[in-house]
Amino acid sequence: MSNTNKKEIKSKLKLNALGYAYNDVYLFIIPFLLSLFREEFQINYVQAGLILTVHVALRSIFTLIFGYLGDKYEKKVIIASGFTCSSIFLGSLIWINNIHTIVTFLILLVIGVSTFHPLATAMVRENSKSNQRGRNLSLFLAVGVVGIIVASLLFGFLVQIWGWKTICLLFSLPGYFLVYAYLKSKKSKKNLKVEAEKEIKQGDIY
């Protein structure tokens, strides 16, 4: 494998780790918001629990759908589309005052969030050598947890200063950078697993 290919692979792994950290910000902002909605919109525990249940159920369903689509179409484009969707619907909350519309937008945000986990995990596996796959996947997952921790601390601190609507707008902005980064990244020329199998076959021939 050439040095150029190694750099491209490392770049993709770093991008997926960053994407995971920020995708989990979108994912876990909904429980944070529900605690504020209970006070501002007087929703009860049953309603809050129902919103969260719908959120989790839809995420599971769309994860299956996007995992299937990722086998047929380019993964980075689907992930970029997901970040676009999440950023638009999260940022748009700044102009909305109706709880029903807010919940609808949060549900649409879930669709965008659902694109990431199955496709990025597959990309990490595809761009990892067999003897580094476990390490790369564990680092990938660990960075996602870091994203949740940072988002929790920032959200809790900043929401007291600017309010939840402004924070939603600010949190949506980095998503557009990730859209650009994914679309700009080069398409994988070869799956490392396929490449390794080809090398083994060539070795058998000679």
C-alpha atoms as a PDB file:
ATOM      1  CA  MET A   1       0.000   0.000   0.000  1.00  0.00           C
ATOM      2  CA  SER A   2       1.430   3.397  -1.018  1.00  0.00           C
ATOM      3  CA  ASN A   3       2.013   6.266   1.403  1.00  0.00           C
ATOM      4  CA  THR A   4      -0.705   8.252  -0.369  1.00  0.00           C
ATOM      5  CA  ASN A   5      -3.252   5.501   0.236  1.00  0.00           C
ATOM      6  CA  LYS A   6      -2.217   5.250   3.883  1.00  0.00           C
ATOM      7  CA  LYS A   7      -2.732   8.994   4.343  1.00  0.00           C
ATOM      8  CA  GLU A   8      -6.148   8.807   2.690  1.00  0.00           C
ATOM      9  CA  ILE A   9      -7.191   5.937   4.949  1.00  0.00           C
ATOM     10  CA  LYS A  10      -5.996   7.721   8.102  1.00  0.00           C
ATOM     11  CA  SER A  11      -7.852  10.833   6.986  1.00  0.00           C
ATOM     12  CA  LYS A  12     -11.064   8.837   6.515  1.00  0.00           C
ATOM     13  CA  LEU A  13     -10.710   7.181   9.918  1.00  0.00           C
ATOM     14  CA  LYS A  14     -10.220  10.583  11.587  1.00  0.00           C
ATOM     15  CA  LEU A  15     -13.200  12.026   9.717  1.00  0.00           C
ATOM     16  CA  ASN A  16     -15.421   9.127  10.792  1.00  0.00           C
ATOM     17  CA  ALA A  17     -14.297   9.526  14.410  1.00  0.00           C
ATOM     18  CA  LEU A  18     -15.111  13.248  14.309  1.00  0.00           C
ATOM     19  CA  GLY A  19     -18.411  12.490  12.599  1.00  0.00           C
ATOM     20  CA  TYR A  20     -19.281   9.939  15.277  1.00  0.00           C
ATOM     21  CA  ALA A  21     -18.594  12.438  18.057  1.00  0.00           C
ATOM     22  CA  TYR A  22     -20.815  15.043  16.455  1.00  0.00           C
ATOM     23  CA  ASN A  23     -23.543  12.661  15.335  1.00  0.00           C
ATOM     24  CA  ASP A  24     -23.952  11.631  18.963  1.00  0.00           C
ATOM     25  CA  VAL A  25     -24.387  15.306  19.855  1.00  0.00           C
ATOM     26  CA  TYR A  26     -27.442  15.320  17.570  1.00  0.00           C
ATOM     27  CA  LEU A  27     -28.560  11.987  18.961  1.00  0.00           C
ATOM     28  CA  PHE A  28     -28.468  12.910  22.641  1.00  0.00           C
ATOM     29  CA  ILE A  29     -29.678  16.495  22.389  1.00  0.00           C
ATOM     30  CA  ILE A  30     -33.284  15.257  22.316  1.00  0.00           C
ATOM     31  CA  PRO A  31     -33.295  13.931  25.924  1.00  0.00           C
ATOM     32  CA  PHE A  32     -31.698  17.225  27.018  1.00  0.00           C
ATOM     33  CA  LEU A  33     -34.416  19.207  25.265  1.00  0.00           C
ATOM     34  CA  LEU A  34     -37.252  17.121  26.692  1.00  0.00           C
ATOM     35  CA  SER A  35     -36.367  18.175  30.225  1.00  0.00           C
ATOM     36  CA  LEU A  36     -36.686  21.825  29.132  1.00  0.00           C
ATOM     37  CA  PHE A  37     -39.883  21.197  27.153  1.00  0.00           C
ATOM     38  CA  ARG A  38     -41.603  19.808  30.246  1.00  0.00           C
ATOM     39  CA  GLU A  39     -41.267  23.202  31.874  1.00  0.00           C
ATOM     40  CA  GLU A  40     -41.796  25.461  28.844  1.00  0.00           C
ATOM     41  CA  PHE A  41     -44.629  23.579  27.130  1.00  0.00           C
ATOM     42  CA  GLN A  42     -46.071  21.795  30.189  1.00  0.00           C
ATOM     43  CA  ILE A  43     -45.758  18.318  28.706  1.00  0.00           C
ATOM     44  CA  ASN A  44     -46.037  15.503  31.241  1.00  0.00           C
ATOM     45  CA  TYR A  45     -43.779  12.507  31.848  1.00  0.00           C
ATOM     46  CA  VAL A  46     -45.952  10.227  29.710  1.00  0.00           C
ATOM     47  CA  GLN A  47     -45.749  12.573  26.726  1.00  0.00           C
ATOM     48  CA  ALA A  48     -41.994  13.042  27.170  1.00  0.00           C
ATOM     49  CA  GLY A  49     -41.526   9.280  27.402  1.00  0.00           C
ATOM     50  CA  LEU A  50     -43.636   8.742  24.288  1.00  0.00           C
ATOM     51  CA  ILE A  51     -41.567  11.256  22.301  1.00  0.00           C
ATOM     52  CA  LEU A  52     -38.369   9.509  23.377  1.00  0.00           C
ATOM     53  CA  THR A  53     -39.824   6.078  22.551  1.00  0.00           C
ATOM     54  CA  VAL A  54     -40.807   7.200  19.048  1.00  0.00           C
ATOM     55  CA  HIS A  55     -37.329   8.689  18.639  1.00  0.00           C
ATOM     56  CA  VAL A  56     -35.597   5.411  19.560  1.00  0.00           C
ATOM     57  CA  ALA A  57     -37.981   3.259  17.490  1.00  0.00           C
ATOM     58  CA  LEU A  58     -37.579   5.381  14.359  1.00  0.00           C
ATOM     59  CA  ARG A  59     -33.817   5.457  14.766  1.00  0.00           C
ATOM     60  CA  SER A  60     -33.757   1.648  14.841  1.00  0.00           C
ATOM     61  CA  ILE A  61     -35.977   1.360  11.771  1.00  0.00           C
ATOM     62  CA  PHE A  62     -34.065   3.900   9.692  1.00  0.00           C
ATOM     63  CA  THR A  63     -30.723   2.435  10.771  1.00  0.00           C
ATOM     64  CA  LEU A  64     -31.783  -0.817   9.090  1.00  0.00           C
ATOM     65  CA  ILE A  65     -32.930   1.037   5.981  1.00  0.00           C
ATOM     66  CA  PHE A  66     -29.758   3.095   5.597  1.00  0.00           C
ATOM     67  CA  GLY A  67     -27.574   0.074   6.296  1.00  0.00           C
ATOM     68  CA  TYR A  68     -29.234  -1.633   3.327  1.00  0.00           C
ATOM     69  CA  LEU A  69     -28.877   1.460   1.123  1.00  0.00           C
ATOM     70  CA  GLY A  70     -25.215   1.781   2.095  1.00  0.00           C
ATOM     71  CA  ASP A  71     -24.512  -1.553   0.413  1.00  0.00           C
ATOM     72  CA  LYS A  72     -25.929  -0.237  -2.858  1.00  0.00           C
ATOM     73  CA  TYR A  73     -24.930   3.427  -2.940  1.00  0.00           C
ATOM     74  CA  GLU A  74     -21.951   5.531  -1.904  1.00  0.00           C
ATOM     75  CA  LYS A  75     -21.766   5.665   1.881  1.00  0.00           C
ATOM     76  CA  LYS A  76     -20.166   9.099   2.213  1.00  0.00           C
ATOM     77  CA  VAL A  77     -22.980  10.726   0.203  1.00  0.00           C
ATOM     78  CA  ILE A  78     -25.654   9.143   2.402  1.00  0.00           C
ATOM     79  CA  ILE A  79     -23.824  10.236   5.571  1.00  0.00           C
ATOM     80  CA  ALA A  80     -23.446  13.780   4.195  1.00  0.00           C
ATOM     81  CA  SER A  81     -27.176  13.827   3.429  1.00  0.00           C
ATOM     82  CA  GLY A  82     -27.850  12.730   7.000  1.00  0.00           C
ATOM     83  CA  PHE A  83     -25.798  15.563   8.470  1.00  0.00           C
ATOM     84  CA  THR A  84     -27.566  18.024   6.154  1.00  0.00           C
ATOM     85  CA  CYS A  85     -30.960  16.798   7.339  1.00  0.00           C
ATOM     86  CA  SER A  86     -29.966  16.882  11.023  1.00  0.00           C
ATOM     87  CA  SER A  87     -28.417  20.355  10.797  1.00  0.00           C
ATOM     88  CA  ILE A  88     -31.381  21.878   8.967  1.00  0.00           C
ATOM     89  CA  PHE A  89     -34.046  20.549  11.322  1.00  0.00           C
ATOM     90  CA  LEU A  90     -32.075  21.243  14.503  1.00  0.00           C
ATOM     91  CA  GLY A  91     -31.142  24.788  13.472  1.00  0.00           C
ATOM     92  CA  SER A  92     -34.690  25.559  12.317  1.00  0.00           C
ATOM     93  CA  LEU A  93     -36.021  25.133  15.858  1.00  0.00           C
ATOM     94  CA  ILE A  94     -34.932  28.710  16.609  1.00  0.00           C
ATOM     95  CA  TRP A  95     -37.939  30.014  14.621  1.00  0.00           C
ATOM     96  CA  ILE A  96     -40.576  27.568  15.907  1.00  0.00           C
ATOM     97  CA  ASN A  97     -42.790  28.002  18.967  1.00  0.00           C
ATOM     98  CA  ASN A  98     -45.335  25.225  18.494  1.00  0.00           C
ATOM     99  CA  ILE A  99     -44.547  22.032  20.423  1.00  0.00           C
ATOM    100  CA  HIS A 100     -46.166  19.804  17.776  1.00  0.00           C
ATOM    101  CA  THR A 101     -43.987  21.279  15.017  1.00  0.00           C
ATOM    102  CA  ILE A 102     -40.923  21.034  17.257  1.00  0.00           C
ATOM    103  CA  VAL A 103     -41.561  17.334  17.896  1.00  0.00           C
ATOM    104  CA  THR A 104     -42.065  16.776  14.146  1.00  0.00           C
ATOM    105  CA  PHE A 105     -38.726  18.450  13.408  1.00  0.00           C
ATOM    106  CA  LEU A 106     -36.997  16.353  16.077  1.00  0.00           C
ATOM    107  CA  ILE A 107     -38.418  13.202  14.490  1.00  0.00           C
ATOM    108  CA  LEU A 108     -37.104  14.328  11.086  1.00  0.00           C
ATOM    109  CA  LEU A 109     -33.744  15.012  12.741  1.00  0.00           C
ATOM    110  CA  VAL A 110     -33.695  11.360  13.820  1.00  0.00           C
ATOM    111  CA  ILE A 111     -33.816  10.273  10.176  1.00  0.00           C
ATOM    112  CA  GLY A 112     -30.596  12.183   9.520  1.00  0.00           C
ATOM    113  CA  VAL A 113     -28.935  10.805  12.633  1.00  0.00           C
ATOM    114  CA  SER A 114     -29.809   7.239  11.592  1.00  0.00           C
ATOM    115  CA  THR A 115     -27.612   7.374   8.498  1.00  0.00           C
ATOM    116  CA  PHE A 116     -24.357   7.520  10.416  1.00  0.00           C
ATOM    117  CA  HIS A 117     -23.850   4.493  12.671  1.00  0.00           C
ATOM    118  CA  PRO A 118     -24.247   1.595  10.206  1.00  0.00           C
ATOM    119  CA  LEU A 119     -22.416   3.279   7.334  1.00  0.00           C
ATOM    120  CA  ALA A 120     -19.534   4.861   9.246  1.00  0.00           C
ATOM    121  CA  THR A 121     -18.909   1.614  11.137  1.00  0.00           C
ATOM    122  CA  ALA A 122     -18.742  -0.216   7.806  1.00  0.00           C
ATOM    123  CA  MET A 123     -16.337   2.427   6.462  1.00  0.00           C
ATOM    124  CA  VAL A 124     -14.042   2.010   9.470  1.00  0.00           C
ATOM    125  CA  ARG A 125     -13.975  -1.757   8.923  1.00  0.00           C
ATOM    126  CA  GLU A 126     -13.343  -1.367   5.202  1.00  0.00           C
ATOM    127  CA  ASN A 127     -10.444   1.033   5.794  1.00  0.00           C
ATOM    128  CA  SER A 128      -8.785  -1.040   8.534  1.00  0.00           C
ATOM    129  CA  LYS A 129      -6.327  -3.879   8.178  1.00  0.00           C
ATOM    130  CA  SER A 130      -7.472  -7.129   9.752  1.00  0.00           C
ATOM    131  CA  ASN A 131      -4.908  -6.832  12.564  1.00  0.00           C
ATOM    132  CA  GLN A 132      -5.994  -3.230  13.331  1.00  0.00           C
ATOM    133  CA  ARG A 133      -9.746  -3.535  12.948  1.00  0.00           C
ATOM    134  CA  GLY A 134     -10.527  -4.046  16.636  1.00  0.00           C
ATOM    135  CA  ARG A 135      -8.322  -1.147  17.696  1.00  0.00           C
ATOM    136  CA  ASN A 136      -9.751   1.229  15.110  1.00  0.00           C
ATOM    137  CA  LEU A 137     -13.344   0.308  15.947  1.00  0.00           C
ATOM    138  CA  SER A 138     -12.743   0.745  19.687  1.00  0.00           C
ATOM    139  CA  LEU A 139     -11.172   4.181  19.134  1.00  0.00           C
ATOM    140  CA  PHE A 140     -14.059   5.070  16.839  1.00  0.00           C
ATOM    141  CA  LEU A 141     -16.608   4.162  19.527  1.00  0.00           C
ATOM    142  CA  ALA A 142     -14.652   5.887  22.300  1.00  0.00           C
ATOM    143  CA  VAL A 143     -14.648   9.193  20.426  1.00  0.00           C
ATOM    144  CA  GLY A 144     -18.439   8.990  20.194  1.00  0.00           C
ATOM    145  CA  VAL A 145     -18.629   8.862  23.993  1.00  0.00           C
ATOM    146  CA  VAL A 146     -16.332  11.894  24.202  1.00  0.00           C
ATOM    147  CA  GLY A 147     -18.762  13.755  21.948  1.00  0.00           C
ATOM    148  CA  ILE A 148     -21.645  12.977  24.307  1.00  0.00           C
ATOM    149  CA  ILE A 149     -19.681  14.155  27.355  1.00  0.00           C
ATOM    150  CA  VAL A 150     -18.591  17.418  25.725  1.00  0.00           C
ATOM    151  CA  ALA A 151     -22.100  18.090  24.387  1.00  0.00           C
ATOM    152  CA  SER A 152     -23.651  17.457  27.809  1.00  0.00           C
ATOM    153  CA  LEU A 153     -21.308  19.899  29.531  1.00  0.00           C
ATOM    154  CA  LEU A 154     -21.578  22.576  26.842  1.00  0.00           C
ATOM    155  CA  PHE A 155     -25.347  22.289  26.524  1.00  0.00           C
ATOM    156  CA  GLY A 156     -25.884  22.475  30.280  1.00  0.00           C
ATOM    157  CA  PHE A 157     -23.651  25.524  30.607  1.00  0.00           C
ATOM    158  CA  LEU A 158     -24.606  27.492  27.489  1.00  0.00           C
ATOM    159  CA  VAL A 159     -28.366  26.926  27.669  1.00  0.00           C
ATOM    160  CA  GLN A 160     -28.441  28.981  30.873  1.00  0.00           C
ATOM    161  CA  ILE A 161     -26.850  31.895  29.006  1.00  0.00           C
ATOM    162  CA  TRP A 162     -28.501  31.902  25.568  1.00  0.00           C
ATOM    163  CA  GLY A 163     -31.493  29.578  25.872  1.00  0.00           C
ATOM    164  CA  TRP A 164     -32.170  26.287  24.109  1.00  0.00           C
ATOM    165  CA  LYS A 165     -33.188  27.761  20.736  1.00  0.00           C
ATOM    166  CA  THR A 166     -29.925  29.618  20.205  1.00  0.00           C
ATOM    167  CA  ILE A 167     -27.963  26.571  21.362  1.00  0.00           C
ATOM    168  CA  CYS A 168     -29.787  24.367  18.835  1.00  0.00           C
ATOM    169  CA  LEU A 169     -28.811  26.793  16.075  1.00  0.00           C
ATOM    170  CA  LEU A 170     -25.168  26.910  17.215  1.00  0.00           C
ATOM    171  CA  PHE A 171     -24.976  23.122  17.574  1.00  0.00           C
ATOM    172  CA  SER A 172     -26.348  22.682  14.046  1.00  0.00           C
ATOM    173  CA  LEU A 173     -23.602  24.713  12.340  1.00  0.00           C
ATOM    174  CA  PRO A 174     -20.646  22.253  12.581  1.00  0.00           C
ATOM    175  CA  GLY A 175     -22.817  19.695  10.800  1.00  0.00           C
ATOM    176  CA  TYR A 176     -22.458  21.661   7.569  1.00  0.00           C
ATOM    177  CA  PHE A 177     -18.673  21.440   7.857  1.00  0.00           C
ATOM    178  CA  LEU A 178     -18.986  17.663   8.145  1.00  0.00           C
ATOM    179  CA  VAL A 179     -21.215  17.599   5.059  1.00  0.00           C
ATOM    180  CA  TYR A 180     -18.473  19.379   3.116  1.00  0.00           C
ATOM    181  CA  ALA A 181     -15.743  17.149   4.576  1.00  0.00           C
ATOM    182  CA  TYR A 182     -17.552  13.923   3.641  1.00  0.00           C
ATOM    183  CA  LEU A 183     -18.382  15.068   0.124  1.00  0.00           C
ATOM    184  CA  LYS A 184     -14.815  16.253  -0.401  1.00  0.00           C
ATOM    185  CA  SER A 185     -13.273  12.989   0.853  1.00  0.00           C
ATOM    186  CA  LYS A 186     -12.128  10.596  -1.832  1.00  0.00           C
ATOM    187  CA  LYS A 187     -14.122   7.537  -2.689  1.00  0.00           C
ATOM    188  CA  SER A 188     -12.448   4.334  -1.568  1.00  0.00           C
ATOM    189  CA  LYS A 189     -10.773   2.730  -4.521  1.00  0.00           C
ATOM    190  CA  LYS A 190     -10.550  -0.637  -2.824  1.00  0.00           C
ATOM    191  CA  ASN A 191     -11.846  -2.355   0.200  1.00  0.00           C
ATOM    192  CA  LEU A 192      -8.778  -3.426   2.202  1.00  0.00           C
ATOM    193  CA  LYS A 193     -10.363  -6.805   2.821  1.00  0.00           C
ATOM    194  CA  VAL A 194     -10.793  -7.350  -0.919  1.00  0.00           C
ATOM    195  CA  GLU A 195      -7.252  -6.151  -1.512  1.00  0.00           C
ATOM    196  CA  ALA A 196      -5.871  -8.593   1.070  1.00  0.00           C
ATOM    197  CA  GLU A 197      -7.822 -11.485  -0.459  1.00  0.00           C
ATOM    198  CA  LYS A 198      -6.451 -10.569  -3.882  1.00  0.00           C
ATOM    199  CA  GLU A 199      -2.884 -10.559  -2.548  1.00  0.00           C
ATOM    200  CA  ILE A 200      -3.421 -14.010  -1.016  1.00  0.00           C
ATOM    201  CA  LYS A 201      -4.747 -15.365  -4.314  1.00  0.00           C
ATOM    202  CA  GLN A 202      -1.799 -13.897  -6.194  1.00  0.00           C
ATOM    203  CA  GLY A 203       0.543 -15.529  -3.683  1.00  0.00           C
ATOM    204  CA  ASP A 204      -1.136 -18.881  -4.261  1.00  0.00           C
ATOM    205  CA  ILE A 205      -0.681 -18.511  -8.018  1.00  0.00           C
ATOM    206  CA  TYR A 206       3.023 -17.818  -7.751  1.00  0.00           C
END
